[in-house]
Protein backbone atom coordinates (compact mmCIF):
# COMPACT_ATOMS: atom_id res chain seq x y z
CA MET A 1 0.28 0.13 0.22
CA THR A 2 1.23 3.64 -0.89
CA ALA A 3 -0.79 6.22 1.42
CA SER A 4 0.84 9.46 1.81
CA VAL A 5 -0.48 13.52 2.27
CA SER A 6 0.80 16.23 0.80
CA SER A 7 1.00 18.83 3.76
CA THR A 8 0.93 21.79 1.27
CA THR A 9 -2.22 21.28 -0.80
CA GLY A 10 -4.16 18.71 1.64
CA SER A 11 -4.99 15.93 -1.31
CA THR A 12 -4.48 12.50 -1.30
CA ASN A 13 -1.25 11.46 -4.02
CA ALA A 14 -2.04 8.07 -3.73
CA ILE A 15 -3.79 4.93 -2.76
CA ASN A 16 -3.18 1.61 -4.50
CA SER A 17 -4.82 -1.10 -3.15
CA PRO A 18 -4.67 -4.74 -5.51
CA ASN A 19 -8.24 -5.39 -3.83
CA ALA A 20 -9.53 -2.05 -4.27
CA THR A 21 -11.57 -1.67 -7.59
CA GLN A 22 -13.30 2.30 -8.77
CA GLY A 23 -17.16 1.99 -7.45
CA GLN A 24 -16.59 -0.20 -4.25
CA SER A 25 -16.24 1.17 -0.63
CA GLN A 26 -13.46 -0.51 0.80
CA THR A 27 -11.91 -0.43 4.59
CA GLY A 28 -8.80 -2.28 6.41
CA PRO A 29 -5.27 -2.40 5.84
CA ASP A 30 -5.85 -2.53 2.43
CA THR A 31 -6.77 0.94 1.65
CA GLY A 32 -6.01 3.32 4.88
CA GLY A 33 -9.02 4.25 4.77
CA THR A 34 -12.76 4.25 3.59
CA VAL A 35 -13.58 5.28 0.49
CA ASN A 36 -16.86 5.45 -0.68
CA PRO A 37 -18.98 4.76 -4.06
CA ASN A 38 -17.58 7.77 -5.74
CA GLY A 39 -14.37 7.00 -4.84
CA GLN A 40 -14.12 10.29 -2.83
CA LEU A 41 -11.95 9.39 0.50
CA THR A 42 -14.07 10.21 3.70
CA GLN A 43 -12.90 12.00 7.19
CA ASP A 44 -12.49 9.02 8.23
CA SER A 45 -10.33 8.33 5.48
CA PHE A 46 -8.22 11.08 6.21
CA MET A 47 -8.18 10.18 10.15
CA GLN A 48 -7.33 6.76 9.10
CA LEU A 49 -4.22 7.89 6.86
CA LEU A 50 -3.02 9.95 9.40
CA VAL A 51 -2.73 7.08 11.47
CA ALA A 52 -1.28 5.05 9.17
CA GLN A 53 1.40 7.75 8.28
CA LEU A 54 1.95 7.66 12.06
CA GLN A 55 2.71 4.06 12.42
CA ASN A 56 4.33 3.16 9.31
CA GLN A 57 6.89 6.35 9.60
CA ASP A 58 10.53 5.55 9.89
CA PRO A 59 11.82 6.08 13.61
CA MET A 60 15.10 7.26 12.38
CA GLN A 61 13.80 10.29 10.41
CA PRO A 62 9.89 10.89 12.20
CA GLN A 63 7.46 13.11 10.43
CA ASP A 64 7.88 16.66 10.85
CA THR A 65 5.67 18.50 13.46
CA SER A 66 4.81 21.37 11.45
CA GLU A 67 3.38 18.93 8.42
CA MET A 68 1.61 17.04 11.60
CA VAL A 69 -0.37 20.19 12.77
CA ALA A 70 -0.91 21.39 9.33
CA GLN A 71 -2.43 18.19 8.81
CA LEU A 72 -4.62 18.42 11.47
CA ALA A 73 -6.04 21.78 10.82
CA GLN A 74 -6.72 20.51 6.96
CA PHE A 75 -9.21 17.89 8.98
CA SER A 76 -10.56 20.43 11.78
CA SER A 77 -11.25 23.22 8.63
CA LEU A 78 -12.90 20.32 6.38
CA GLU A 79 -14.98 19.34 9.68
CA GLN A 80 -15.87 22.52 10.41
CA MET A 81 -16.98 23.28 6.40
CA THR A 82 -19.03 20.08 6.39
CA ASN A 83 -20.94 20.99 9.62
CA LEU A 84 -21.34 24.68 8.32
CA SER A 85 -22.84 23.58 5.01
CA GLN A 86 -25.82 21.03 7.13
CA THR A 87 -26.23 23.62 9.41
CA ASP A 88 -26.97 25.89 6.46
CA SER A 89 -29.11 23.35 5.10
CA GLN A 90 -31.33 23.31 8.15
CA VAL A 91 -31.86 26.77 7.83
CA LEU A 92 -32.82 27.07 4.67
CA SER A 93 -35.80 24.22 5.16
CA ALA A 94 -36.76 26.33 8.30
CA VAL A 95 -37.15 29.35 6.36
CA GLN A 96 -39.01 27.92 3.49
CA SER A 97 -41.19 25.99 5.68
CA LEU A 98 -42.04 29.68 7.37
CA ALA A 99 -42.35 30.85 4.34
CA THR A 100 -45.06 28.97 3.25
CA LEU A 101 -46.87 29.29 6.28
CA THR A 102 -47.02 32.85 5.83
CA SER A 103 -48.22 32.63 2.07
CA MET A 104 -50.63 30.59 3.74
CA ALA A 105 -51.84 32.92 6.30
CA PHE A 106 -51.73 35.92 4.10
CA ALA A 107 -53.87 33.86 1.02
CA HIS A 108 -56.10 32.81 3.94
CA GLN A 109 -57.29 36.56 4.98
CA LEU A 110 -57.97 37.17 1.51
CA ILE A 111 -60.97 34.49 1.62
CA GLY A 112 -64.12 36.77 1.14
CA THR A 113 -62.59 39.68 -0.33
CA THR A 114 -62.92 41.18 -3.66
CA VAL A 115 -59.12 40.52 -5.78
CA SER A 116 -58.07 41.95 -9.02
CA VAL A 117 -55.67 39.43 -10.64
CA ASP A 118 -54.04 39.14 -13.70
CA ASP A 119 -54.50 36.21 -15.56
CA GLY A 120 -51.30 35.72 -16.71
CA SER A 121 -52.53 37.21 -20.68
CA GLY A 122 -52.53 40.41 -19.51
CA ASN A 123 -56.69 40.50 -18.57
CA SER A 124 -58.13 41.60 -15.06
CA VAL A 125 -60.11 39.17 -13.40
CA SER A 126 -61.57 40.55 -10.69
CA GLY A 127 -64.00 38.81 -8.44
CA GLN A 128 -64.18 37.23 -4.71
CA VAL A 129 -61.48 35.46 -3.15
CA SER A 130 -63.94 31.50 -2.56
CA ALA A 131 -61.09 29.08 -0.84
CA ILE A 132 -57.25 28.64 -0.90
CA THR A 133 -55.55 25.81 -2.58
CA MET A 134 -51.73 24.88 -2.43
CA ASN A 135 -49.67 24.05 -5.57
CA ASN A 136 -46.22 22.56 -5.35
CA GLY A 137 -45.74 24.57 -2.11
CA SER A 138 -47.60 27.67 -3.17
CA ALA A 139 -50.29 29.57 -2.17
CA GLU A 140 -53.08 29.65 -4.43
CA ILE A 141 -56.18 32.02 -4.22
CA VAL A 142 -59.52 30.94 -6.31
CA ILE A 143 -62.03 33.32 -8.23
CA ASP A 144 -64.58 32.11 -9.54
CA GLY A 145 -63.61 28.31 -9.59
CA THR A 146 -60.52 29.05 -11.13
CA SER A 147 -56.89 29.16 -8.95
CA TYR A 148 -54.54 32.17 -9.62
CA PRO A 149 -51.08 32.54 -7.82
CA LEU A 150 -50.56 35.19 -4.85
CA SER A 151 -48.02 36.49 -6.93
CA GLN A 152 -51.23 37.23 -9.63
CA VAL A 153 -53.25 39.33 -7.46
CA VAL A 154 -52.64 43.24 -8.82
CA GLN A 155 -55.66 44.56 -6.79
CA MET A 156 -57.63 43.76 -2.94
CA SER A 157 -60.58 46.01 -2.52
């Protein structure tokens, strides 16, 4: 097995294993870590490579401590970016849910109100809002049996 990590780029230079084939998940001493089905290294892979480097270093020429600190810093940065990405996804999902609920609450307030909407072809349609429907997560008002997105409301009275 050949496993080396460049401290200047943080990328893996080589992982050669006679048992590793592209597209398969491998773990254990042959690969020095976990390779996901896309052939990308995981966080576990990085840590296992780091441990393998320490276990297999030449005792007469130990690894430079500054390289080790740089690799640990890169790992820490990767972990923080992953956590931030997951947090961003959760915040985005919460904001989208809140926007859906807000538009539904606003649309509900329009029931019984006379509104004018643009029908999409440049004509104005006026009528009393009789119901609210949801279409692909967006609230729509119903006038005379036809649904219109809230974005097409041009006047309320």
